[in-house]
Amino acid sequence: MLRHPPNAPGATGAPRRDVRPASRARRKAILTSDLLLLAAGLVLLFAGGEGLVRGAVSFANRLGMPPLLVGMTVIGFGTSLPEFLVCLQAALRGSPDIAVGNIVGSNIANILLVVGVAAVLSPIVARGTSLLRDTGVMVAACVALLLLGWSGGIGRVAGLVLFVSLVVYLAAAMLIDRAKEVEPDEEAATRLSGWVEGLLLLGGFAALFVGAELLVGSAVRLARDAGLSEATIGLTVVAVGTSLPEIAAAISAAMRRQGAVVLGNVIGSNLFNILATLGLTAAIHPVDVSADIARFDVPVMTGLAVLLGLALALGGRFGRVLGLVMLAGYAAYVAMLL
């Protein structure tokens, strides 16, 4: 006699139970878990980056490094560490779209979102040959990434060339600015007690590493579950998350009416993102650049860098109306991705 499984159609006993609600509940639980992990990763990246920069600056001062050198290297690279670790984790995990999307999306967010928010809070007026010089180098770095993207990817040699070019530029800029007796940033003169310094260094590194792991892992899963591409997640959520230090610094500087600090942080961060973060990542593990990112997002980033340079050359004034236009532009860009 043919026997049916207990819950199969035609079986006697208890009626078949619908498993679909359970499946939906499970998917919802997984989605909630991934969102919480994503948020935790962002918090750890922000806290770890802040702690590491403070500890590294104090340690550099303890070693007797000049404040100008501390400001241009330790603080500059330290604030880009979240992008670097996320980029490296994504490349090693086989998710190059998140790696490249993080860098390109972060640079776009820095120009439109960070400068836009700062300008709305307090109009920015910034002039100076140093800003124009740095913006020109940023545009050159964007063009280099554009050409590499069109070639299909960034190999180890190209990555090393990008990083070495940053080192050479920093050395030259430091000599020029030192000759002009530029006043160093107050943050570069910070010095803490030994145990606080060590705690910030070790805790910052640990938080950055764990945060990058959580952020990349949850972002990949969310992209797959939501039917979004990894590039979209990298260009939006991950990019904005790793730009949180720049956003916080811009708001603080805008409230103090320090427009040059806002633009300097944005330009410096964009330079480090391409030349140091992407360069070092590619030197460790070659990074492929998808055709979609190379054809659309990298040109958008390059065009925005050129427009920023033109705005500085024409007076360097960013009023509230322009700030709102920049925020609207960023919203439109994200909407196009989604």
Protein backbone atom coordinates (compact mmCIF):
# COMPACT_ATOMS: atom_id res chain seq x y z
CA MET A 1 0.00 0.00 0.00
CA LEU A 2 1.29 3.45 -0.96
CA ARG A 3 2.15 5.55 2.10
CA HIS A 4 2.22 9.36 2.10
CA PRO A 5 4.65 11.44 4.22
CA PRO A 6 2.84 12.84 7.29
CA ASN A 7 2.39 16.35 5.83
CA ALA A 8 2.07 15.42 2.16
CA PRO A 9 -1.17 16.05 0.22
CA GLY A 10 -3.48 13.10 0.71
CA ALA A 11 -1.93 11.98 3.98
CA THR A 12 -4.19 11.23 6.90
CA GLY A 13 -3.73 12.85 10.26
CA ALA A 14 -2.65 16.48 10.79
CA PRO A 15 -3.13 18.80 7.78
CA ARG A 16 -0.11 20.11 5.92
CA ARG A 17 1.38 23.24 7.49
CA ASP A 18 2.28 26.20 5.26
CA VAL A 19 6.03 26.81 5.60
CA ARG A 20 5.98 30.11 3.72
CA PRO A 21 5.34 32.31 6.78
CA ALA A 22 8.26 30.62 8.52
CA SER A 23 10.47 31.26 5.48
CA ARG A 24 9.46 34.91 5.39
CA ALA A 25 10.14 35.24 9.10
CA ARG A 26 13.56 33.67 8.64
CA ARG A 27 14.42 36.02 5.76
CA LYS A 28 13.27 38.98 7.83
CA ALA A 29 15.43 37.85 10.74
CA ILE A 30 18.46 37.49 8.45
CA LEU A 31 17.82 40.92 6.94
CA THR A 32 17.54 42.49 10.40
CA SER A 33 20.72 40.75 11.49
CA ASP A 34 22.64 41.99 8.44
CA LEU A 35 21.38 45.56 8.95
CA LEU A 36 22.50 45.46 12.59
CA LEU A 37 25.89 44.09 11.56
CA LEU A 38 26.18 46.82 8.92
CA ALA A 39 25.38 49.50 11.51
CA ALA A 40 27.83 47.95 13.98
CA GLY A 41 30.53 47.91 11.31
CA LEU A 42 29.97 51.60 10.55
CA VAL A 43 30.12 52.52 14.25
CA LEU A 44 33.32 50.52 14.76
CA LEU A 45 34.92 52.11 11.68
CA PHE A 46 34.07 55.60 12.88
CA ALA A 47 35.17 55.03 16.48
CA GLY A 48 38.26 53.06 15.46
CA GLY A 49 39.35 55.68 12.96
CA GLU A 50 38.95 58.50 15.48
CA GLY A 51 40.82 56.61 18.19
CA LEU A 52 43.62 55.50 15.91
CA VAL A 53 44.23 59.01 14.56
CA ARG A 54 44.42 60.50 18.05
CA GLY A 55 46.74 57.77 19.28
CA ALA A 56 48.95 57.90 16.19
CA VAL A 57 49.27 61.70 16.35
CA SER A 58 50.29 61.51 20.00
CA PHE A 59 52.81 58.74 19.27
CA ALA A 60 54.27 60.69 16.34
CA ASN A 61 54.70 63.75 18.55
CA ARG A 62 56.35 61.58 21.19
CA LEU A 63 58.88 60.56 18.52
CA GLY A 64 59.53 64.23 17.75
CA MET A 65 57.98 64.35 14.27
CA PRO A 66 57.35 67.92 13.02
CA PRO A 67 53.68 68.98 13.38
CA LEU A 68 53.47 69.73 9.65
CA LEU A 69 54.62 66.21 8.79
CA VAL A 70 52.18 64.75 11.33
CA GLY A 71 49.30 66.69 9.80
CA MET A 72 50.08 65.75 6.20
CA THR A 73 50.86 62.06 6.75
CA VAL A 74 49.63 60.59 10.05
CA ILE A 75 46.30 62.44 10.16
CA GLY A 76 45.78 62.22 6.40
CA PHE A 77 46.38 58.48 6.15
CA GLY A 78 44.71 57.77 9.49
CA THR A 79 41.40 59.30 8.41
CA SER A 80 41.54 57.17 5.23
CA LEU A 81 42.15 53.90 7.08
CA PRO A 82 38.43 52.95 7.14
CA GLU A 83 38.34 53.16 3.34
CA PHE A 84 41.60 51.22 3.07
CA LEU A 85 40.54 48.30 5.28
CA VAL A 86 37.10 48.07 3.66
CA CYS A 87 38.71 48.21 0.21
CA LEU A 88 41.28 45.55 1.09
CA GLN A 89 38.71 43.25 2.72
CA ALA A 90 36.44 43.54 -0.31
CA ALA A 91 39.27 42.82 -2.76
CA LEU A 92 40.45 39.79 -0.78
CA ARG A 93 36.86 38.49 -0.55
CA GLY A 94 36.51 38.64 -4.32
CA SER A 95 34.18 41.66 -4.33
CA PRO A 96 36.07 44.23 -6.44
CA ASP A 97 32.92 46.24 -7.13
CA ILE A 98 32.59 47.02 -3.43
CA ALA A 99 36.30 47.90 -3.26
CA VAL A 100 36.26 50.31 -6.21
CA GLY A 101 32.71 51.48 -5.51
CA ASN A 102 33.73 52.40 -1.97
CA ILE A 103 36.55 54.66 -3.21
CA VAL A 104 34.66 56.27 -6.10
CA GLY A 105 31.45 56.65 -4.10
CA SER A 106 33.32 58.09 -1.14
CA ASN A 107 35.01 60.69 -3.36
CA ILE A 108 31.69 61.68 -4.92
CA ALA A 109 30.09 61.91 -1.46
CA ASN A 110 33.00 64.03 -0.22
CA ILE A 111 32.47 66.64 -2.94
CA LEU A 112 28.68 66.76 -3.17
CA LEU A 113 27.54 65.62 0.28
CA VAL A 114 30.31 66.83 2.61
CA VAL A 115 30.91 70.21 0.94
CA GLY A 116 27.16 70.60 0.36
CA VAL A 117 26.27 70.03 4.02
CA ALA A 118 29.05 72.37 5.18
CA ALA A 119 27.99 75.12 2.75
CA VAL A 120 24.35 74.92 3.86
CA LEU A 121 25.39 75.22 7.51
CA SER A 122 27.75 78.12 6.86
CA PRO A 123 28.81 79.62 3.49
CA ILE A 124 32.36 78.62 2.57
CA VAL A 125 34.95 81.07 1.31
CA ALA A 126 38.35 79.52 0.60
CA ARG A 127 41.22 80.78 -1.53
CA GLY A 128 44.89 80.00 -1.82
CA THR A 129 47.51 78.53 -4.12
CA SER A 130 47.88 75.43 -1.92
CA LEU A 131 44.20 74.51 -2.35
CA LEU A 132 44.41 75.01 -6.12
CA ARG A 133 47.60 72.95 -6.27
CA ASP A 134 46.09 70.11 -4.27
CA THR A 135 42.92 70.20 -6.36
CA GLY A 136 44.99 69.93 -9.54
CA VAL A 137 46.73 66.84 -8.17
CA MET A 138 43.34 65.40 -7.17
CA VAL A 139 42.07 65.89 -10.73
CA ALA A 140 45.20 64.18 -12.08
CA ALA A 141 44.60 61.23 -9.72
CA CYS A 142 40.99 60.99 -10.92
CA VAL A 143 42.14 60.98 -14.55
CA ALA A 144 44.66 58.24 -13.75
CA LEU A 145 41.89 56.12 -12.21
CA LEU A 146 39.70 56.86 -15.24
CA LEU A 147 42.37 55.52 -17.61
CA LEU A 148 43.05 52.49 -15.42
CA GLY A 149 39.32 51.80 -15.23
CA TRP A 150 39.00 51.88 -19.00
CA SER A 151 41.87 49.39 -19.20
CA GLY A 152 39.89 46.96 -17.04
CA GLY A 153 41.66 47.04 -13.70
CA ILE A 154 44.55 48.06 -11.47
CA GLY A 155 47.48 45.66 -11.24
CA ARG A 156 50.23 45.50 -8.63
CA VAL A 157 52.64 47.68 -10.59
CA ALA A 158 50.00 50.35 -11.23
CA GLY A 159 49.03 50.25 -7.56
CA LEU A 160 52.63 50.82 -6.50
CA VAL A 161 52.97 53.69 -8.98
CA LEU A 162 49.87 55.35 -7.51
CA PHE A 163 51.18 55.03 -3.96
CA VAL A 164 54.71 56.18 -4.77
CA SER A 165 53.31 59.21 -6.61
CA LEU A 166 51.50 60.19 -3.41
CA VAL A 167 54.68 59.85 -1.35
CA VAL A 168 56.59 62.03 -3.83
CA TYR A 169 53.83 64.63 -3.87
CA LEU A 170 53.59 64.76 -0.07
CA ALA A 171 57.35 65.23 0.22
CA ALA A 172 57.32 68.07 -2.32
CA ALA A 173 54.26 69.73 -0.79
CA MET A 174 55.77 69.51 2.67
CA LEU A 175 58.94 71.25 1.52
CA ILE A 176 56.97 73.99 -0.24
CA ASP A 177 54.60 74.57 2.68
CA ARG A 178 57.43 74.51 5.20
CA ALA A 179 59.20 77.24 3.21
CA LYS A 180 56.01 79.30 3.46
CA GLU A 181 55.92 78.71 7.23
CA VAL A 182 52.38 77.37 7.15
CA GLU A 183 50.76 77.26 10.59
CA PRO A 184 50.18 73.61 11.55
CA ASP A 185 46.79 72.27 12.55
CA GLU A 186 46.16 72.25 16.30
CA GLU A 187 45.28 68.55 16.09
CA ALA A 188 48.81 67.80 14.90
CA ALA A 189 50.26 69.05 18.20
CA THR A 190 48.20 66.73 20.43
CA ARG A 191 50.06 64.59 22.97
CA LEU A 192 48.48 62.09 25.36
CA SER A 193 49.71 60.00 28.27
CA GLY A 194 51.39 56.71 27.39
CA TRP A 195 48.65 54.30 28.46
CA VAL A 196 45.89 56.32 26.75
CA GLU A 197 48.00 56.48 23.61
CA GLY A 198 48.54 52.70 23.58
CA LEU A 199 44.87 52.02 24.29
CA LEU A 200 43.77 54.24 21.41
CA LEU A 201 46.26 52.68 19.00
CA LEU A 202 45.45 49.04 19.83
CA GLY A 203 41.72 49.64 20.27
CA GLY A 204 41.55 51.71 17.10
CA PHE A 205 43.26 49.04 14.99
CA ALA A 206 41.04 46.31 16.45
CA ALA A 207 37.85 48.32 15.92
CA LEU A 208 38.82 49.16 12.33
CA PHE A 209 39.62 45.54 11.47
CA VAL A 210 36.42 44.13 13.00
CA GLY A 211 34.33 46.99 11.60
CA ALA A 212 35.65 46.47 8.07
CA GLU A 213 34.94 42.74 8.29
CA LEU A 214 31.38 43.31 9.52
CA LEU A 215 30.67 46.07 7.01
CA VAL A 216 31.89 44.21 3.92
CA GLY A 217 30.32 40.89 4.89
CA SER A 218 26.90 42.36 5.68
CA ALA A 219 26.99 44.65 2.62
CA VAL A 220 27.61 41.70 0.29
CA ARG A 221 24.75 39.71 1.82
CA LEU A 222 22.37 42.67 1.74
CA ALA A 223 23.18 43.33 -1.91
CA ARG A 224 22.41 39.75 -2.84
CA ASP A 225 19.24 39.54 -0.76
CA ALA A 226 17.89 42.88 -2.05
CA GLY A 227 18.75 42.11 -5.65
CA LEU A 228 21.15 45.07 -5.81
CA SER A 229 24.59 44.90 -7.33
CA GLU A 230 27.65 44.99 -5.11
CA ALA A 231 28.71 48.12 -6.99
CA THR A 232 25.52 49.92 -5.91
CA ILE A 233 26.04 48.98 -2.26
CA GLY A 234 29.69 50.04 -2.44
CA LEU A 235 28.90 53.35 -4.15
CA THR A 236 26.18 54.30 -1.66
CA VAL A 237 25.93 52.69 1.80
CA VAL A 238 29.56 51.65 2.19
CA ALA A 239 30.88 54.88 0.66
CA VAL A 240 28.81 57.15 2.91
CA GLY A 241 29.67 55.01 5.93
CA THR A 242 33.40 55.30 5.38
CA SER A 243 32.98 59.05 4.75
CA LEU A 244 31.49 59.64 8.21
CA PRO A 245 34.79 61.03 9.61
CA GLU A 246 34.94 63.58 6.78
CA ILE A 247 31.27 64.51 7.32
CA ALA A 248 31.80 65.01 11.06
CA ALA A 249 34.97 67.05 10.47
CA ALA A 250 33.23 69.20 7.84
CA ILE A 251 30.31 70.01 10.13
CA SER A 252 32.69 70.93 12.95
CA ALA A 253 34.81 73.14 10.67
CA ALA A 254 31.74 74.77 9.09
CA MET A 255 30.37 75.72 12.49
CA ARG A 256 33.72 77.42 13.21
CA ARG A 257 33.59 79.12 9.77
CA GLN A 258 36.79 77.41 8.63
CA GLY A 259 36.00 76.91 4.95
CA ALA A 260 39.58 76.16 3.97
CA VAL A 261 39.64 73.29 6.47
CA VAL A 262 36.47 71.81 4.95
CA LEU A 263 37.84 71.88 1.41
CA GLY A 264 41.33 70.84 2.50
CA ASN A 265 39.98 67.75 4.26
CA VAL A 266 37.84 66.80 1.25
CA ILE A 267 40.64 67.25 -1.28
CA GLY A 268 43.16 65.46 0.94
CA SER A 269 40.78 62.57 1.60
CA ASN A 270 40.04 62.13 -2.12
CA LEU A 271 43.77 62.12 -2.88
CA PHE A 272 44.50 59.50 -0.22
CA ASN A 273 41.52 57.38 -1.32
CA ILE A 274 42.81 56.98 -4.87
CA LEU A 275 46.58 57.08 -4.49
CA ALA A 276 47.05 55.43 -1.09
CA THR A 277 43.95 53.34 -0.40
CA LEU A 278 43.31 51.99 -3.89
CA GLY A 279 47.01 52.01 -4.74
CA LEU A 280 48.06 49.93 -1.72
CA THR A 281 45.08 47.60 -2.12
CA ALA A 282 45.98 46.91 -5.77
CA ALA A 283 49.63 46.42 -4.81
CA ILE A 284 48.53 43.69 -2.38
CA HIS A 285 45.75 42.21 -4.53
CA PRO A 286 45.00 43.35 -8.13
CA VAL A 287 41.60 45.03 -8.40
CA ASP A 288 39.26 44.69 -11.38
CA VAL A 289 37.17 47.71 -12.37
CA SER A 290 33.76 46.83 -13.78
CA ALA A 291 32.69 48.37 -17.08
CA ASP A 292 29.68 50.11 -15.49
CA ILE A 293 31.79 51.89 -12.86
CA ALA A 294 34.47 52.78 -15.42
CA ARG A 295 31.95 54.20 -17.90
CA PHE A 296 29.73 56.16 -15.52
CA ASP A 297 30.83 56.57 -11.89
CA VAL A 298 34.52 57.31 -12.42
CA PRO A 299 33.75 59.97 -15.08
CA VAL A 300 31.21 61.53 -12.67
CA MET A 301 33.88 61.64 -9.95
CA THR A 302 36.41 63.16 -12.37
CA GLY A 303 33.95 65.76 -13.63
CA LEU A 304 33.09 66.81 -10.08
CA ALA A 305 36.78 67.18 -9.25
CA VAL A 306 37.22 69.46 -12.28
CA LEU A 307 34.16 71.54 -11.29
CA LEU A 308 35.50 71.88 -7.75
CA GLY A 309 38.80 73.15 -9.15
CA LEU A 310 36.97 75.66 -11.37
CA ALA A 311 34.93 76.89 -8.41
CA LEU A 312 38.11 77.47 -6.42
CA ALA A 313 39.77 79.23 -9.35
CA LEU A 314 36.74 81.54 -9.76
CA GLY A 315 36.75 82.77 -6.18
CA GLY A 316 36.26 79.76 -3.95
CA ARG A 317 32.83 80.77 -2.62
CA PHE A 318 30.24 78.10 -1.84
CA GLY A 319 27.00 79.69 -0.62
CA ARG A 320 23.90 78.02 0.81
CA VAL A 321 22.14 77.90 -2.57
CA LEU A 322 25.11 76.13 -4.15
CA GLY A 323 25.23 73.81 -1.14
CA LEU A 324 21.59 72.87 -1.67
CA VAL A 325 22.28 72.29 -5.37
CA MET A 326 25.16 69.98 -4.44
CA LEU A 327 22.96 68.02 -2.01
CA ALA A 328 20.25 67.73 -4.67
CA GLY A 329 22.89 66.53 -7.12
CA TYR A 330 24.01 63.83 -4.71
CA ALA A 331 20.42 62.73 -4.12
CA ALA A 332 19.90 62.51 -7.89
CA TYR A 333 23.09 60.46 -8.29
CA VAL A 334 22.01 57.97 -5.62
CA ALA A 335 18.53 57.77 -7.14
CA MET A 336 20.06 56.88 -10.51
CA LEU A 337 22.02 54.05 -8.90
CA LEU A 338 18.97 52.62 -7.18
